[in-house]
Amino acid sequence: VGTDAVPYLSYTKAEEWQTVEYTEPTSLAEPAVIKVFAQDNSYT
């Protein structure tokens, strides 16, 4: 109750060669979006 700031979000990759694009929300109404690309870049 009373939270109005977006909390700090972090992630841990399953494999070091993954690439991650993180879109941080600017308000609680927006989702945090984390897009993960596999090493072969064809799987996301």
All heavy atoms as atom14 arrays in JSON, in Angstrom:
{
  "sequence": "VGTDAVPYLSYTKAEEWQTVEYTEPTSLAEPAVIKVFAQDNSYT",
  "atom14_mask": [
    [1, 1, 1, 1, 1, 1, 1, 0, 0, 0, 0, 0, 0, 0],
    [1, 1, 1, 1, 0, 0, 0, 0, 0, 0, 0, 0, 0, 0],
    [1, 1, 1, 1, 1, 1, 1, 0, 0, 0, 0, 0, 0, 0],
    [1, 1, 1, 1, 1, 1, 1, 1, 0, 0, 0, 0, 0, 0],
    [1, 1, 1, 1, 1, 0, 0, 0, 0, 0, 0, 0, 0, 0],
    [1, 1, 1, 1, 1, 1, 1, 0, 0, 0, 0, 0, 0, 0],
    [1, 1, 1, 1, 1, 1, 1, 0, 0, 0, 0, 0, 0, 0],
    [1, 1, 1, 1, 1, 1, 1, 1, 1, 1, 1, 1, 0, 0],
    [1, 1, 1, 1, 1, 1, 1, 1, 0, 0, 0, 0, 0, 0],
    [1, 1, 1, 1, 1, 1, 0, 0, 0, 0, 0, 0, 0, 0],
    [1, 1, 1, 1, 1, 1, 1, 1, 1, 1, 1, 1, 0, 0],
    [1, 1, 1, 1, 1, 1, 1, 0, 0, 0, 0, 0, 0, 0],
    [1, 1, 1, 1, 1, 1, 1, 1, 1, 0, 0, 0, 0, 0],
    [1, 1, 1, 1, 1, 0, 0, 0, 0, 0, 0, 0, 0, 0],
    [1, 1, 1, 1, 1, 1, 1, 1, 1, 0, 0, 0, 0, 0],
    [1, 1, 1, 1, 1, 1, 1, 1, 1, 0, 0, 0, 0, 0],
    [1, 1, 1, 1, 1, 1, 1, 1, 1, 1, 1, 1, 1, 1],
    [1, 1, 1, 1, 1, 1, 1, 1, 1, 0, 0, 0, 0, 0],
    [1, 1, 1, 1, 1, 1, 1, 0, 0, 0, 0, 0, 0, 0],
    [1, 1, 1, 1, 1, 1, 1, 0, 0, 0, 0, 0, 0, 0],
    [1, 1, 1, 1, 1, 1, 1, 1, 1, 0, 0, 0, 0, 0],
    [1, 1, 1, 1, 1, 1, 1, 1, 1, 1, 1, 1, 0, 0],
    [1, 1, 1, 1, 1, 1, 1, 0, 0, 0, 0, 0, 0, 0],
    [1, 1, 1, 1, 1, 1, 1, 1, 1, 0, 0, 0, 0, 0],
    [1, 1, 1, 1, 1, 1, 1, 0, 0, 0, 0, 0, 0, 0],
    [1, 1, 1, 1, 1, 1, 1, 0, 0, 0, 0, 0, 0, 0],
    [1, 1, 1, 1, 1, 1, 0, 0, 0, 0, 0, 0, 0, 0],
    [1, 1, 1, 1, 1, 1, 1, 1, 0, 0, 0, 0, 0, 0],
    [1, 1, 1, 1, 1, 0, 0, 0, 0, 0, 0, 0, 0, 0],
    [1, 1, 1, 1, 1, 1, 1, 1, 1, 0, 0, 0, 0, 0],
    [1, 1, 1, 1, 1, 1, 1, 0, 0, 0, 0, 0, 0, 0],
    [1, 1, 1, 1, 1, 0, 0, 0, 0, 0, 0, 0, 0, 0],
    [1, 1, 1, 1, 1, 1, 1, 0, 0, 0, 0, 0, 0, 0],
    [1, 1, 1, 1, 1, 1, 1, 1, 0, 0, 0, 0, 0, 0],
    [1, 1, 1, 1, 1, 1, 1, 1, 1, 0, 0, 0, 0, 0],
    [1, 1, 1, 1, 1, 1, 1, 0, 0, 0, 0, 0, 0, 0],
    [1, 1, 1, 1, 1, 1, 1, 1, 1, 1, 1, 0, 0, 0],
    [1, 1, 1, 1, 1, 0, 0, 0, 0, 0, 0, 0, 0, 0],
    [1, 1, 1, 1, 1, 1, 1, 1, 1, 0, 0, 0, 0, 0],
    [1, 1, 1, 1, 1, 1, 1, 1, 0, 0, 0, 0, 0, 0],
    [1, 1, 1, 1, 1, 1, 1, 1, 0, 0, 0, 0, 0, 0],
    [1, 1, 1, 1, 1, 1, 0, 0, 0, 0, 0, 0, 0, 0],
    [1, 1, 1, 1, 1, 1, 1, 1, 1, 1, 1, 1, 0, 0],
    [1, 1, 1, 1, 1, 1, 1, 0, 0, 0, 0, 0, 0, 0]
  ],
  "atom14_positions": [
    [[0.85, -1.19, 0.0], [0.0, 0.0, 0.0], [0.89, 1.24, 0.0], [1.88, 1.3, 0.71], [-0.9, 0.01, 1.26], [-1.64, 1.33, 1.4], [-1.88, -1.15, 1.23], [0.0, 0.0, 0.0], [0.0, 0.0, 0.0], [0.0, 0.0, 0.0], [0.0, 0.0, 0.0], [0.0, 0.0, 0.0], [0.0, 0.0, 0.0], [0.0, 0.0, 0.0]],
    [[0.54, 2.19, -0.82], [1.27, 3.45, -0.85], [2.44, 3.5, -1.8], [3.02, 4.56, -2.02], [0.0, 0.0, 0.0], [0.0, 0.0, 0.0], [0.0, 0.0, 0.0], [0.0, 0.0, 0.0], [0.0, 0.0, 0.0], [0.0, 0.0, 0.0], [0.0, 0.0, 0.0], [0.0, 0.0, 0.0], [0.0, 0.0, 0.0], [0.0, 0.0, 0.0]],
    [[2.81, 2.37, -2.4], [3.94, 2.36, -3.34], [3.55, 3.16, -4.57], [2.5, 2.95, -5.15], [4.28, 0.92, -3.77], [4.59, 0.16, -2.62], [5.44, 0.89, -4.74], [0.0, 0.0, 0.0], [0.0, 0.0, 0.0], [0.0, 0.0, 0.0], [0.0, 0.0, 0.0], [0.0, 0.0, 0.0], [0.0, 0.0, 0.0], [0.0, 0.0, 0.0]],
    [[4.4, 4.1, -4.96], [4.13, 4.83, -6.19], [5.33, 4.89, -7.12], [5.25, 5.39, -8.22], [3.58, 6.24, -5.91], [4.42, 7.03, -4.93], [5.49, 6.54, -4.53], [4.01, 8.13, -4.56], [0.0, 0.0, 0.0], [0.0, 0.0, 0.0], [0.0, 0.0, 0.0], [0.0, 0.0, 0.0], [0.0, 0.0, 0.0], [0.0, 0.0, 0.0]],
    [[6.44, 4.34, -6.67], [7.64, 4.29, -7.51], [7.85, 2.86, -8.02], [7.56, 1.89, -7.32], [8.86, 4.74, -6.72], [0.0, 0.0, 0.0], [0.0, 0.0, 0.0], [0.0, 0.0, 0.0], [0.0, 0.0, 0.0], [0.0, 0.0, 0.0], [0.0, 0.0, 0.0], [0.0, 0.0, 0.0], [0.0, 0.0, 0.0], [0.0, 0.0, 0.0]],
    [[8.31, 2.76, -9.24], [8.61, 1.45, -9.82], [9.77, 0.84, -9.04], [10.81, 1.48, -8.87], [8.97, 1.58, -11.32], [9.37, 0.23, -11.9], [7.81, 2.18, -12.1], [0.0, 0.0, 0.0], [0.0, 0.0, 0.0], [0.0, 0.0, 0.0], [0.0, 0.0, 0.0], [0.0, 0.0, 0.0], [0.0, 0.0, 0.0], [0.0, 0.0, 0.0]],
    [[9.62, -0.4, -8.55], [10.73, -1.01, -7.81], [11.88, -1.37, -8.75], [11.71, -1.45, -9.96], [10.1, -2.27, -7.21], [8.95, -2.58, -8.1], [8.46, -1.27, -8.65], [0.0, 0.0, 0.0], [0.0, 0.0, 0.0], [0.0, 0.0, 0.0], [0.0, 0.0, 0.0], [0.0, 0.0, 0.0], [0.0, 0.0, 0.0], [0.0, 0.0, 0.0]],
    [[13.04, -1.61, -8.14], [14.22, -1.98, -8.93], [14.08, -3.41, -9.41], [13.89, -4.33, -8.63], [15.49, -1.82, -8.09], [16.73, -2.27, -8.81], [17.25, -1.54, -9.87], [17.36, -3.46, -8.45], [18.38, -1.96, -10.54], [18.5, -3.89, -9.13], [18.99, -3.13, -10.17], [20.11, -3.56, -10.84], [0.0, 0.0, 0.0], [0.0, 0.0, 0.0]],
    [[14.14, -3.6, -10.72], [14.01, -4.93, -11.33], [15.35, -5.31, -11.95], [15.99, -4.51, -12.61], [12.91, -4.9, -12.39], [12.56, -6.26, -13.0], [11.06, -6.38, -13.15], [13.25, -6.45, -14.32], [0.0, 0.0, 0.0], [0.0, 0.0, 0.0], [0.0, 0.0, 0.0], [0.0, 0.0, 0.0], [0.0, 0.0, 0.0], [0.0, 0.0, 0.0]],
    [[15.75, -6.56, -11.71], [16.97, -7.09, -12.32], [16.68, -8.51, -12.8], [15.62, -9.07, -12.51], [18.14, -7.07, -11.32], [17.81, -7.79, -10.16], [0.0, 0.0, 0.0], [0.0, 0.0, 0.0], [0.0, 0.0, 0.0], [0.0, 0.0, 0.0], [0.0, 0.0, 0.0], [0.0, 0.0, 0.0], [0.0, 0.0, 0.0], [0.0, 0.0, 0.0]],
    [[17.6, -9.08, -13.51], [17.42, -10.43, -14.05], [18.76, -11.14, -14.06], [19.82, -10.52, -14.03], [16.81, -10.4, -15.46], [17.6, -9.53, -16.41], [18.71, -10.03, -17.08], [17.24, -8.2, -16.61], [19.45, -9.23, -17.93], [17.98, -7.4, -17.45], [19.08, -7.91, -18.11], [19.82, -7.12, -18.95], [0.0, 0.0, 0.0], [0.0, 0.0, 0.0]],
    [[18.68, -12.46, -14.12], [19.89, -13.28, -14.21], [19.74, -14.17, -15.44], [18.76, -14.92, -15.56], [20.06, -14.15, -12.94], [20.09, -13.28, -11.81], [21.35, -14.95, -13.01], [0.0, 0.0, 0.0], [0.0, 0.0, 0.0], [0.0, 0.0, 0.0], [0.0, 0.0, 0.0], [0.0, 0.0, 0.0], [0.0, 0.0, 0.0], [0.0, 0.0, 0.0]],
    [[20.71, -14.07, -16.34], [20.67, -14.89, -17.56], [20.93, -16.36, -17.19], [21.68, -16.65, -16.26], [21.72, -14.41, -18.56], [21.49, -13.0, -19.06], [22.38, -12.65, -20.24], [23.71, -12.12, -19.79], [24.53, -11.65, -20.94], [0.0, 0.0, 0.0], [0.0, 0.0, 0.0], [0.0, 0.0, 0.0], [0.0, 0.0, 0.0], [0.0, 0.0, 0.0]],
    [[20.32, -17.25, -17.96], [20.56, -18.68, -17.76], [21.9, -19.09, -18.37], [22.54, -20.02, -17.89], [19.43, -19.5, -18.37], [0.0, 0.0, 0.0], [0.0, 0.0, 0.0], [0.0, 0.0, 0.0], [0.0, 0.0, 0.0], [0.0, 0.0, 0.0], [0.0, 0.0, 0.0], [0.0, 0.0, 0.0], [0.0, 0.0, 0.0], [0.0, 0.0, 0.0]],
    [[22.32, -18.38, -19.4], [23.6, -18.68, -20.06], [24.28, -17.36, -20.39], [23.63, -16.4, -20.81], [23.37, -19.49, -21.34], [22.74, -20.85, -21.06], [22.41, -21.64, -22.33], [22.55, -21.09, -23.44], [22.01, -22.8, -22.18], [0.0, 0.0, 0.0], [0.0, 0.0, 0.0], [0.0, 0.0, 0.0], [0.0, 0.0, 0.0], [0.0, 0.0, 0.0]],
    [[25.56, -17.31, -20.2], [26.3, -16.06, -20.34], [26.25, -15.46, -21.75], [26.4, -14.27, -21.94], [27.75, -16.22, -19.9], [28.55, -17.17, -20.77], [29.98, -17.34, -20.28], [30.18, -18.03, -19.28], [30.87, -16.75, -20.93], [0.0, 0.0, 0.0], [0.0, 0.0, 0.0], [0.0, 0.0, 0.0], [0.0, 0.0, 0.0], [0.0, 0.0, 0.0]],
    [[26.06, -16.28, -22.79], [26.08, -15.77, -24.17], [24.71, -15.3, -24.65], [24.56, -14.88, -25.77], [26.63, -16.83, -25.14], [26.17, -18.22, -24.84], [24.99, -18.78, -25.18], [26.85, -19.19, -24.07], [24.88, -20.04, -24.7], [26.04, -20.33, -23.99], [28.08, -19.22, -23.43], [26.4, -21.48, -23.31], [28.43, -20.37, -22.77], [27.6, -21.49, -22.71]],
    [[23.69, -15.34, -23.77], [22.39, -14.77, -24.13], [22.52, -13.25, -24.21], [23.34, -12.64, -23.54], [21.33, -15.11, -23.07], [20.95, -16.57, -23.02], [20.03, -16.88, -21.84], [20.16, -16.31, -20.76], [19.11, -17.79, -22.06], [0.0, 0.0, 0.0], [0.0, 0.0, 0.0], [0.0, 0.0, 0.0], [0.0, 0.0, 0.0], [0.0, 0.0, 0.0]],
    [[21.67, -12.66, -25.06], [21.58, -11.2, -25.15], [20.21, -10.79, -24.62], [19.2, -11.45, -24.91], [21.71, -10.73, -26.62], [22.93, -11.26, -27.15], [21.7, -9.23, -26.72], [0.0, 0.0, 0.0], [0.0, 0.0, 0.0], [0.0, 0.0, 0.0], [0.0, 0.0, 0.0], [0.0, 0.0, 0.0], [0.0, 0.0, 0.0], [0.0, 0.0, 0.0]],
    [[20.17, -9.71, -23.84], [18.92, -9.28, -23.22], [18.66, -7.82, -23.53], [19.56, -6.98, -23.43], [18.96, -9.48, -21.68], [17.68, -8.99, -21.04], [19.23, -10.94, -21.33], [0.0, 0.0, 0.0], [0.0, 0.0, 0.0], [0.0, 0.0, 0.0], [0.0, 0.0, 0.0], [0.0, 0.0, 0.0], [0.0, 0.0, 0.0], [0.0, 0.0, 0.0]],
    [[17.42, -7.53, -23.93], [16.96, -6.15, -24.09], [15.92, -5.89, -23.01], [14.9, -6.59, -22.95], [16.32, -5.94, -25.47], [17.3, -5.99, -26.61], [16.6, -5.84, -27.97], [15.35, -5.67, -28.01], [17.31, -5.9, -28.98], [0.0, 0.0, 0.0], [0.0, 0.0, 0.0], [0.0, 0.0, 0.0], [0.0, 0.0, 0.0], [0.0, 0.0, 0.0]],
    [[16.19, -4.91, -22.16], [15.28, -4.63, -21.05], [14.65, -3.25, -21.25], [15.36, -2.26, -21.42], [16.05, -4.67, -19.72], [15.25, -4.2, -18.53], [13.96, -4.68, -18.28], [15.77, -3.28, -17.65], [13.24, -4.26, -17.19], [15.06, -2.85, -16.54], [13.78, -3.33, -16.32], [13.06, -2.91, -15.23], [0.0, 0.0, 0.0], [0.0, 0.0, 0.0]],
    [[13.32, -3.2, -21.24], [12.59, -1.94, -21.31], [12.01, -1.66, -19.93], [11.08, -2.35, -19.48], [11.46, -2.0, -22.36], [12.03, -2.4, -23.61], [10.77, -0.66, -22.49], [0.0, 0.0, 0.0], [0.0, 0.0, 0.0], [0.0, 0.0, 0.0], [0.0, 0.0, 0.0], [0.0, 0.0, 0.0], [0.0, 0.0, 0.0], [0.0, 0.0, 0.0]],
    [[12.6, -0.68, -19.26], [12.19, -0.34, -17.9], [10.91, 0.5, -17.93], [10.8, 1.44, -18.71], [13.31, 0.44, -17.22], [13.05, 0.72, -15.77], [14.24, 1.37, -15.09], [15.28, 1.59, -15.73], [14.1, 1.67, -13.91], [0.0, 0.0, 0.0], [0.0, 0.0, 0.0], [0.0, 0.0, 0.0], [0.0, 0.0, 0.0], [0.0, 0.0, 0.0]],
    [[9.94, 0.16, -17.08], [8.71, 0.97, -17.04], [8.97, 2.32, -16.39], [9.84, 2.45, -15.53], [7.77, 0.13, -16.18], [8.65, -0.72, -15.35], [9.9, -0.95, -16.15], [0.0, 0.0, 0.0], [0.0, 0.0, 0.0], [0.0, 0.0, 0.0], [0.0, 0.0, 0.0], [0.0, 0.0, 0.0], [0.0, 0.0, 0.0], [0.0, 0.0, 0.0]],
    [[8.21, 3.33, -16.81], [8.35, 4.66, -16.21], [7.29, 4.9, -15.15], [7.37, 5.88, -14.42], [8.25, 5.76, -17.29], [6.99, 5.63, -17.96], [9.38, 5.63, -18.29], [0.0, 0.0, 0.0], [0.0, 0.0, 0.0], [0.0, 0.0, 0.0], [0.0, 0.0, 0.0], [0.0, 0.0, 0.0], [0.0, 0.0, 0.0], [0.0, 0.0, 0.0]],
    [[6.29, 4.0, -15.06], [5.25, 4.11, -14.02], [4.75, 2.7, -13.7], [5.02, 1.74, -14.43], [4.1, 4.98, -14.5], [3.31, 4.28, -15.45], [0.0, 0.0, 0.0], [0.0, 0.0, 0.0], [0.0, 0.0, 0.0], [0.0, 0.0, 0.0], [0.0, 0.0, 0.0], [0.0, 0.0, 0.0], [0.0, 0.0, 0.0], [0.0, 0.0, 0.0]],
    [[4.0, 2.61, -12.6], [3.45, 1.3, -12.21], [2.41, 0.78, -13.2], [2.1, -0.4, -13.21], [2.82, 1.4, -10.82], [3.79, 1.69, -9.68], [3.03, 1.81, -8.36], [4.86, 0.62, -9.57], [0.0, 0.0, 0.0], [0.0, 0.0, 0.0], [0.0, 0.0, 0.0], [0.0, 0.0, 0.0], [0.0, 0.0, 0.0], [0.0, 0.0, 0.0]],
    [[1.89, 1.65, -14.04], [0.87, 1.24, -15.02], [1.48, 0.52, -16.22], [0.77, -0.14, -16.97], [0.08, 2.46, -15.49], [0.0, 0.0, 0.0], [0.0, 0.0, 0.0], [0.0, 0.0, 0.0], [0.0, 0.0, 0.0], [0.0, 0.0, 0.0], [0.0, 0.0, 0.0], [0.0, 0.0, 0.0], [0.0, 0.0, 0.0], [0.0, 0.0, 0.0]],
    [[2.78, 0.62, -16.39], [3.45, -0.01, -17.53], [4.14, -1.3, -17.1], [4.64, -1.38, -15.98], [4.52, 0.94, -18.1], [4.0, 2.25, -18.6], [5.13, 3.2, -19.0], [6.31, 2.78, -18.99], [4.83, 4.36, -19.29], [0.0, 0.0, 0.0], [0.0, 0.0, 0.0], [0.0, 0.0, 0.0], [0.0, 0.0, 0.0], [0.0, 0.0, 0.0]],
    [[4.23, -2.29, -18.0], [4.96, -3.51, -17.65], [6.47, -3.33, -17.88], [6.89, -2.51, -18.69], [4.41, -4.55, -18.63], [4.05, -3.74, -19.84], [3.57, -2.41, -19.31], [0.0, 0.0, 0.0], [0.0, 0.0, 0.0], [0.0, 0.0, 0.0], [0.0, 0.0, 0.0], [0.0, 0.0, 0.0], [0.0, 0.0, 0.0], [0.0, 0.0, 0.0]],
    [[7.23, -4.09, -17.14], [8.66, -4.22, -17.43], [8.74, -5.3, -18.52], [8.08, -6.33, -18.43], [9.42, -4.65, -16.19], [0.0, 0.0, 0.0], [0.0, 0.0, 0.0], [0.0, 0.0, 0.0], [0.0, 0.0, 0.0], [0.0, 0.0, 0.0], [0.0, 0.0, 0.0], [0.0, 0.0, 0.0], [0.0, 0.0, 0.0], [0.0, 0.0, 0.0]],
    [[9.52, -5.05, -19.55], [9.63, -5.99, -20.68], [11.08, -6.43, -20.81], [11.98, -5.6, -20.96], [9.13, -5.35, -21.99], [9.22, -6.34, -23.14], [7.7, -4.82, -21.84], [0.0, 0.0, 0.0], [0.0, 0.0, 0.0], [0.0, 0.0, 0.0], [0.0, 0.0, 0.0], [0.0, 0.0, 0.0], [0.0, 0.0, 0.0], [0.0, 0.0, 0.0]],
    [[11.27, -7.75, -20.73], [12.62, -8.31, -20.83], [12.62, -9.29, -22.0], [11.98, -10.34, -21.94], [13.02, -9.04, -19.53], [12.86, -8.11, -18.33], [14.45, -9.56, -19.63], [12.93, -8.83, -16.99], [0.0, 0.0, 0.0], [0.0, 0.0, 0.0], [0.0, 0.0, 0.0], [0.0, 0.0, 0.0], [0.0, 0.0, 0.0], [0.0, 0.0, 0.0]],
    [[13.35, -8.94, -23.06], [13.42, -9.79, -24.25], [14.77, -10.5, -24.24], [15.82, -9.85, -24.18], [13.23, -8.96, -25.51], [13.04, -9.8, -26.75], [12.59, -8.94, -27.92], [12.23, -9.82, -29.09], [11.7, -9.07, -30.22], [0.0, 0.0, 0.0], [0.0, 0.0, 0.0], [0.0, 0.0, 0.0], [0.0, 0.0, 0.0], [0.0, 0.0, 0.0]],
    [[14.73, -11.84, -24.31], [15.94, -12.66, -24.22], [16.2, -13.33, -25.58], [15.3, -13.98, -26.13], [15.8, -13.74, -23.12], [17.08, -14.55, -23.0], [15.42, -13.1, -21.79], [0.0, 0.0, 0.0], [0.0, 0.0, 0.0], [0.0, 0.0, 0.0], [0.0, 0.0, 0.0], [0.0, 0.0, 0.0], [0.0, 0.0, 0.0], [0.0, 0.0, 0.0]],
    [[17.42, -13.17, -26.08], [17.82, -13.8, -27.34], [18.8, -14.91, -27.02], [19.77, -14.72, -26.28], [18.51, -12.78, -28.26], [17.63, -11.64, -28.67], [17.51, -10.51, -27.87], [16.92, -11.7, -29.85], [16.7, -9.46, -28.26], [16.11, -10.65, -30.25], [15.99, -9.52, -29.44], [0.0, 0.0, 0.0], [0.0, 0.0, 0.0], [0.0, 0.0, 0.0]],
    [[18.54, -16.1, -27.57], [19.46, -17.23, -27.4], [20.76, -16.95, -28.17], [20.82, -16.05, -29.01], [18.81, -18.51, -27.92], [0.0, 0.0, 0.0], [0.0, 0.0, 0.0], [0.0, 0.0, 0.0], [0.0, 0.0, 0.0], [0.0, 0.0, 0.0], [0.0, 0.0, 0.0], [0.0, 0.0, 0.0], [0.0, 0.0, 0.0], [0.0, 0.0, 0.0]],
    [[21.77, -17.75, -27.88], [23.07, -17.56, -28.53], [22.95, -17.63, -30.05], [23.58, -16.85, -30.77], [24.06, -18.62, -28.04], [25.45, -18.46, -28.64], [26.4, -19.56, -28.21], [25.98, -20.62, -27.78], [27.7, -19.3, -28.34], [0.0, 0.0, 0.0], [0.0, 0.0, 0.0], [0.0, 0.0, 0.0], [0.0, 0.0, 0.0], [0.0, 0.0, 0.0]],
    [[22.06, -18.52, -30.55], [21.95, -18.65, -32.01], [21.11, -17.54, -32.63], [20.97, -17.45, -33.84], [21.38, -20.03, -32.38], [19.9, -20.16, -32.11], [19.29, -19.22, -31.54], [19.33, -21.21, -32.47], [0.0, 0.0, 0.0], [0.0, 0.0, 0.0], [0.0, 0.0, 0.0], [0.0, 0.0, 0.0], [0.0, 0.0, 0.0], [0.0, 0.0, 0.0]],
    [[20.54, -16.65, -31.8], [19.78, -15.47, -32.22], [18.48, -15.77, -32.95], [17.79, -14.86, -33.37], [20.65, -14.52, -33.05], [20.63, -13.13, -32.48], [20.15, -12.92, -31.37], [21.16, -12.18, -33.22], [0.0, 0.0, 0.0], [0.0, 0.0, 0.0], [0.0, 0.0, 0.0], [0.0, 0.0, 0.0], [0.0, 0.0, 0.0], [0.0, 0.0, 0.0]],
    [[18.14, -17.03, -33.17], [16.86, -17.33, -33.83], [15.77, -17.63, -32.8], [14.59, -17.62, -33.14], [17.02, -18.52, -34.79], [17.36, -19.68, -34.07], [0.0, 0.0, 0.0], [0.0, 0.0, 0.0], [0.0, 0.0, 0.0], [0.0, 0.0, 0.0], [0.0, 0.0, 0.0], [0.0, 0.0, 0.0], [0.0, 0.0, 0.0], [0.0, 0.0, 0.0]],
    [[16.14, -17.88, -31.55], [15.17, -18.14, -30.5], [15.12, -16.95, -29.54], [16.16, -16.46, -29.1], [15.54, -19.41, -29.71], [15.33, -20.67, -30.49], [16.35, -21.17, -31.31], [14.13, -21.34, -30.44], [16.17, -22.32, -32.06], [13.93, -22.5, -31.19], [14.95, -22.99, -32.0], [14.75, -24.12, -32.73], [0.0, 0.0, 0.0], [0.0, 0.0, 0.0]],
    [[13.88, -16.49, -29.28], [13.69, -15.39, -28.34], [12.49, -15.67, -27.45], [11.55, -16.38, -27.86], [13.45, -14.04, -29.04], [12.23, -14.11, -29.76], [14.59, -13.67, -29.96], [0.0, 0.0, 0.0], [0.0, 0.0, 0.0], [0.0, 0.0, 0.0], [0.0, 0.0, 0.0], [0.0, 0.0, 0.0], [0.0, 0.0, 0.0], [0.0, 0.0, 0.0]]
  ]
}
